[in-house]
Protein backbone atom coordinates (compact mmCIF):
# COMPACT_ATOMS: atom_id res chain seq x y z
CA MET A 1 313.55 138.61 11.43
CA GLY A 2 315.74 135.57 11.40
CA ARG A 3 315.39 132.77 13.79
CA ARG A 4 317.99 131.19 16.00
CA GLU A 5 317.34 127.48 15.73
CA LEU A 6 318.64 125.09 18.39
CA ALA A 7 319.57 121.41 17.78
CA LEU A 8 316.80 119.10 18.99
CA LYS A 9 317.40 117.85 22.52
CA GLU A 10 315.53 115.59 24.98
CA ASN A 11 314.50 118.81 26.86
CA MET A 12 310.88 119.75 26.74
CA ARG A 13 310.28 122.22 24.00
CA VAL A 14 307.87 125.02 24.92
CA ALA A 15 306.74 127.54 22.32
CA ILE A 16 305.50 130.87 23.96
CA ILE A 17 303.41 133.11 21.74
CA GLY A 18 303.45 136.60 23.14
CA LEU A 19 306.61 137.84 24.79
CA GLY A 20 305.19 140.32 27.41
CA VAL A 21 305.50 140.36 31.09
CA ILE A 22 303.85 136.91 31.57
CA GLY A 23 305.30 135.17 28.45
CA GLY A 24 308.80 136.58 29.04
CA SER A 25 308.84 135.75 32.78
CA LEU A 26 307.60 132.23 32.12
CA GLY A 27 310.36 131.67 29.54
CA MET A 28 313.01 132.93 32.00
CA ALA A 29 311.77 130.70 34.80
CA LEU A 30 311.64 127.54 32.62
CA LEU A 31 315.08 128.15 31.07
CA ALA A 32 316.47 128.58 34.63
CA LYS A 33 315.14 125.19 35.47
CA GLY A 34 317.53 123.68 32.88
CA ASN A 35 315.44 121.09 31.19
CA TYR A 36 313.44 123.28 28.77
CA GLU A 37 314.04 124.62 25.34
CA VAL A 38 311.89 127.80 24.96
CA VAL A 39 311.02 129.12 21.59
CA GLY A 40 309.73 132.71 21.88
CA ILE A 41 307.26 134.02 19.27
CA ASP A 42 306.26 137.54 18.88
CA ARG A 43 305.15 139.73 15.93
CA ASP A 44 307.57 142.50 17.03
CA PRO A 45 311.14 141.73 15.96
CA VAL A 46 312.58 144.03 18.53
CA THR A 47 310.75 142.22 21.28
CA VAL A 48 312.17 138.84 20.05
CA ARG A 49 315.66 140.32 20.07
CA LEU A 50 315.32 141.65 23.55
CA ALA A 51 313.87 138.35 24.70
CA LEU A 52 317.01 136.60 23.37
CA GLU A 53 319.26 139.14 24.92
CA THR A 54 317.69 138.89 28.41
CA GLY A 55 317.60 135.16 28.46
CA ALA A 56 313.79 134.82 28.32
CA VAL A 57 314.00 132.51 25.38
CA SER A 58 316.51 130.17 23.87
CA ALA A 59 315.30 130.65 20.34
CA GLY A 60 313.08 133.40 18.79
CA THR A 61 310.96 134.03 15.74
CA THR A 62 308.27 136.29 14.43
CA ASP A 63 306.80 133.40 12.47
CA CYS A 64 304.01 131.74 14.49
CA LEU A 65 303.59 128.85 12.15
CA ASN A 66 307.25 127.79 12.13
CA GLY A 67 307.65 128.63 15.81
CA VAL A 68 305.07 126.10 17.04
CA LYS A 69 306.37 123.26 14.95
CA GLN A 70 307.86 120.34 17.04
CA ALA A 71 306.68 122.03 20.26
CA ASP A 72 305.70 119.75 23.15
CA ILE A 73 303.65 122.59 24.80
CA VAL A 74 302.39 125.73 23.24
CA VAL A 75 301.68 128.69 25.57
CA LEU A 76 299.31 131.41 24.25
CA ALA A 77 300.38 134.57 26.14
CA ILE A 78 298.36 137.13 24.22
CA PRO A 79 295.18 139.17 25.01
CA VAL A 80 292.19 136.92 25.43
CA GLY A 81 290.34 138.67 22.68
CA ASP A 82 292.88 137.42 20.15
CA LEU A 83 293.16 133.85 21.39
CA ALA A 84 290.54 132.17 19.21
CA ASP A 85 291.81 133.62 15.85
CA LEU A 86 295.46 132.76 16.81
CA ALA A 87 294.39 129.28 17.83
CA ARG A 88 292.72 128.66 14.52
CA GLU A 89 295.74 129.96 12.64
CA ILE A 90 298.28 127.72 14.38
CA ALA A 91 296.22 124.59 14.77
CA PRO A 92 297.43 123.01 11.43
CA SER A 93 301.03 123.61 12.30
CA ILE A 94 300.93 121.96 15.78
CA SER A 95 301.67 118.32 16.40
CA SER A 96 298.67 116.26 17.14
CA GLU A 97 300.40 115.29 20.42
CA ALA A 98 301.26 118.88 21.46
CA ILE A 99 299.50 120.36 24.41
CA VAL A 100 298.15 123.87 24.22
CA THR A 101 297.58 126.15 27.22
CA ASP A 102 296.88 129.88 27.75
CA VAL A 103 297.49 132.44 30.51
CA GLY A 104 294.37 134.53 30.01
CA SER A 105 292.56 136.31 32.90
CA THR A 106 289.14 134.90 31.87
CA LYS A 107 288.36 131.22 31.25
CA ALA A 108 284.76 130.21 30.52
CA GLU A 109 284.61 131.70 27.07
CA VAL A 110 288.18 130.93 26.25
CA VAL A 111 288.12 127.25 27.38
CA ALA A 112 284.90 126.64 25.35
CA LEU A 113 286.39 128.05 22.30
CA LEU A 114 289.78 126.45 22.48
CA GLU A 115 288.59 123.09 23.41
CA GLU A 116 286.76 123.01 20.09
CA ILE A 117 289.90 123.80 18.25
CA PHE A 118 292.25 121.48 20.37
CA PRO A 119 289.98 118.70 21.60
CA SER A 120 291.33 117.09 24.86
CA ARG A 121 294.79 118.61 24.43
CA PHE A 122 293.90 122.24 25.70
CA VAL A 123 294.32 123.01 29.37
CA GLY A 124 293.15 126.53 30.50
CA GLY A 125 295.58 128.41 32.73
CA HIS A 126 295.76 131.71 34.64
CA PRO A 127 298.84 132.57 36.66
CA MET A 128 297.68 134.90 39.49
CA THR A 129 300.65 137.26 39.10
CA GLY A 130 301.66 140.08 36.83
CA SER A 131 302.57 143.71 36.78
CA GLU A 132 301.09 147.11 35.75
CA ARG A 133 304.09 147.42 33.51
CA SER A 134 304.08 145.82 30.06
CA GLY A 135 306.48 144.40 27.56
CA ILE A 136 309.42 142.17 27.56
CA GLU A 137 311.38 144.80 29.52
CA ALA A 138 309.17 144.13 32.57
CA ALA A 139 309.70 140.37 32.59
CA GLU A 140 311.15 139.03 35.83
CA LEU A 141 312.86 135.71 36.52
CA TYR A 142 311.06 135.19 39.76
CA LEU A 143 307.57 136.53 38.89
CA PHE A 144 306.04 133.05 39.16
CA GLU A 145 307.83 132.10 42.38
CA ASN A 146 305.18 130.84 44.96
CA ALA A 147 302.36 132.44 42.93
CA ILE A 148 299.15 130.62 42.60
CA TYR A 149 298.62 129.29 39.03
CA VAL A 150 294.93 128.46 38.28
CA LEU A 151 294.37 125.51 35.97
CA THR A 152 290.77 124.96 34.71
CA PRO A 153 290.47 121.45 33.41
CA THR A 154 287.02 120.12 32.22
CA ALA A 155 285.53 116.70 31.43
CA ARG A 156 287.19 117.04 27.99
CA THR A 157 290.74 117.55 29.32
CA ASP A 158 293.16 114.77 28.76
CA SER A 159 294.75 113.65 32.10
CA GLU A 160 298.24 113.32 30.53
CA ALA A 161 297.96 116.85 29.16
CA LEU A 162 296.90 118.19 32.53
CA GLN A 163 299.81 116.45 34.20
CA LYS A 164 302.36 118.02 31.77
CA ILE A 165 300.97 121.47 32.33
CA GLN A 166 301.06 120.92 36.11
CA GLU A 167 304.78 119.91 35.80
CA MET A 168 305.53 123.01 33.80
CA VAL A 169 303.72 125.18 36.37
CA ALA A 170 305.79 123.54 39.15
CA ASP A 171 309.00 124.08 37.20
CA SER A 172 308.09 127.83 36.82
CA GLY A 173 308.01 128.14 40.61
CA ALA A 174 304.30 128.53 40.92
CA ILE A 175 301.63 126.48 42.74
CA SER A 176 298.80 124.80 40.84
CA CYS A 177 295.14 125.30 41.89
CA PHE A 178 292.33 123.71 40.12
CA ILE A 179 288.98 125.59 39.61
CA SER A 180 286.23 125.24 37.00
CA PRO A 181 286.20 127.86 34.28
CA ASP A 182 282.85 129.35 35.51
CA ASP A 183 283.96 129.49 39.19
CA HIS A 184 287.22 131.00 38.05
CA ASP A 185 285.51 133.84 36.25
CA ARG A 186 283.16 134.54 39.14
CA ILE A 187 286.04 134.72 41.57
CA VAL A 188 288.39 136.84 39.53
CA ALA A 189 285.63 139.27 38.86
CA ALA A 190 285.47 139.94 42.50
CA ILE A 191 289.17 139.99 43.46
CA SER A 192 290.77 141.22 40.21
CA HIS A 193 288.32 142.65 37.59
CA LEU A 194 286.12 144.82 39.76
CA PRO A 195 289.24 146.16 41.68
CA HIS A 196 290.73 147.12 38.30
CA MET A 197 287.53 148.99 37.35
CA MET A 198 287.48 150.76 40.57
CA ALA A 199 291.14 151.87 40.17
CA VAL A 200 290.39 153.19 36.72
CA ALA A 201 287.28 155.03 37.99
CA LEU A 202 289.12 156.46 41.00
CA MET A 203 291.93 157.64 38.82
CA ASN A 204 289.43 159.25 36.36
CA LEU A 205 287.74 160.97 39.29
CA ALA A 206 291.15 162.31 40.62
CA ALA A 207 292.02 163.54 37.16
CA ASP A 208 288.71 165.50 36.96
CA PHE A 209 289.23 166.83 40.43
CA SER A 210 292.68 167.95 39.72
CA GLU A 211 291.41 170.27 36.97
CA THR A 212 289.97 172.58 39.72
CA HIS A 213 292.49 171.51 42.36
CA PRO A 214 295.80 171.23 40.53
CA GLN A 215 297.72 170.09 43.63
CA ALA A 216 295.57 167.08 44.18
CA LEU A 217 297.77 164.46 42.32
CA THR A 218 300.85 166.03 43.84
CA LEU A 219 299.60 165.42 47.33
CA ALA A 220 298.49 161.83 46.61
CA ALA A 221 300.33 159.58 49.00
CA GLY A 222 301.00 155.85 49.31
CA GLY A 223 297.51 154.78 49.93
CA PHE A 224 296.19 156.38 46.75
CA ARG A 225 299.13 155.20 44.71
CA ASP A 226 298.61 151.58 45.93
CA MET A 227 294.90 151.66 45.12
CA THR A 228 295.43 153.10 41.63
CA ARG A 229 298.60 151.36 40.62
CA ILE A 230 296.82 148.82 38.34
CA ALA A 231 295.07 151.61 36.40
CA ALA A 232 298.32 151.94 34.47
CA SER A 233 297.96 148.41 32.99
CA SER A 234 297.37 147.79 29.25
CA GLN A 235 293.98 149.13 28.23
CA VAL A 236 293.73 146.70 25.28
CA MET A 237 294.34 143.71 27.55
CA TRP A 238 291.73 144.91 30.05
CA ARG A 239 289.15 145.75 27.38
CA ASP A 240 289.29 142.00 26.41
CA ILE A 241 289.10 140.92 30.01
CA PHE A 242 285.97 142.96 30.58
CA ALA A 243 284.36 141.88 27.42
CA THR A 244 284.79 138.20 28.16
CA ASN A 245 283.65 138.42 31.75
CA ARG A 246 281.13 141.30 31.50
CA ARG A 247 278.15 139.50 33.17
CA ASN A 248 280.16 138.75 36.40
CA VAL A 249 281.69 142.26 36.45
CA ILE A 250 278.29 143.94 35.94
CA GLU A 251 276.73 141.92 38.72
CA LEU A 252 279.52 142.79 41.13
CA THR A 253 279.61 146.54 40.10
CA ARG A 254 275.89 146.66 41.05
CA HIS A 255 276.63 145.05 44.38
CA PHE A 256 279.46 147.37 45.02
CA ARG A 257 277.16 150.38 44.32
CA GLU A 258 274.94 149.10 47.02
CA VAL A 259 277.82 148.82 49.50
CA LEU A 260 278.98 152.32 48.61
CA LEU A 261 275.54 153.64 49.02
CA HIS A 262 275.34 152.11 52.52
CA CYS A 263 278.48 154.00 53.51
CA GLU A 264 277.02 157.22 52.18
CA GLN A 265 273.82 156.72 54.23
CA LEU A 266 275.74 156.19 57.39
CA LEU A 267 277.46 159.40 56.88
CA GLU A 268 274.29 161.20 56.11
CA ARG A 269 272.76 159.85 59.39
CA GLU A 270 275.94 160.70 61.26
CA ASP A 271 275.92 157.09 62.47
CA TYR A 272 279.62 156.88 63.23
CA ASN A 273 279.24 153.91 65.61
CA GLU A 274 277.80 151.85 62.82
CA LEU A 275 280.55 153.13 60.57
CA VAL A 276 283.17 151.74 62.84
CA LEU A 277 281.44 148.34 62.78
CA PHE A 278 281.26 148.41 59.10
CA MET A 279 285.12 148.99 58.98
CA GLN A 280 285.86 146.29 61.55
CA ARG A 281 284.87 143.50 59.28
CA PRO A 282 287.12 144.19 56.31
CA CYS A 283 290.02 144.78 58.78
CA CYS A 284 289.43 141.25 60.09
CA GLU A 285 288.86 139.67 56.78
CA ARG A 286 291.87 141.08 55.11
CA GLN A 287 294.04 139.02 57.52
CA LYS A 288 292.88 135.94 55.50
CA ILE A 289 294.67 137.07 52.47
CA PRO A 290 298.02 135.20 52.20
CA PHE A 291 301.00 137.44 51.86
CA ILE A 292 303.74 135.62 50.13
């Protein structure tokens, strides 16, 4: 696959490795800002072509090592399980002044590994947005608009590097939020990773149930579809997420079983007044979730 090379400008050059929903959407948002040159890198030449055609990147290549050369910022937008190997591969080709960041859904393990490879110049990141759809075809110009974008600096993070990533996040339309890598992983285990596991489990349960009740999935209404939408997400991506945040997810699945058992016991006792009280709290707490 050939590359479309652009003349060097004063614009910030961002190399994005991995042109899926997040990588493609970030490229679109930065190009729309007008002061970025975005080099898209993906091993699939068809994806690179589509990224160029849809305006997600200004230049594209399947060659990681050439793609990251002269980049001011390198964004790693690939599954977290592949980050360390890719980082080691591209490290010799990246400028010593380049800043490296990622968009992975887990941070503690990732940050520890990548700070060893890119001392002080790595900034962990996680945009709290996305889609159950995958691929460059699902990229959206406004996916990052008003989304929370978590950054996880540590004592080793260079302040200038952090500032540059903050500026990129703002230019994407997102809002920066600073959390430690460990706290990030504990929080997302509760509000993202456990819900995904629940959606997968519920969808598997419904599939089993439909074998003896064929109309079950046909009758599934909006509530069921909303609860299980994320079960359609990339299995490989989620395998890596669960693998790198397994301890937090295991702790929460055990807690959730206790909560579910409590519901079961209320029904067994026919204690419907207590059941109403049990449902009142989440009804009130849900109002605290910001709806953008």
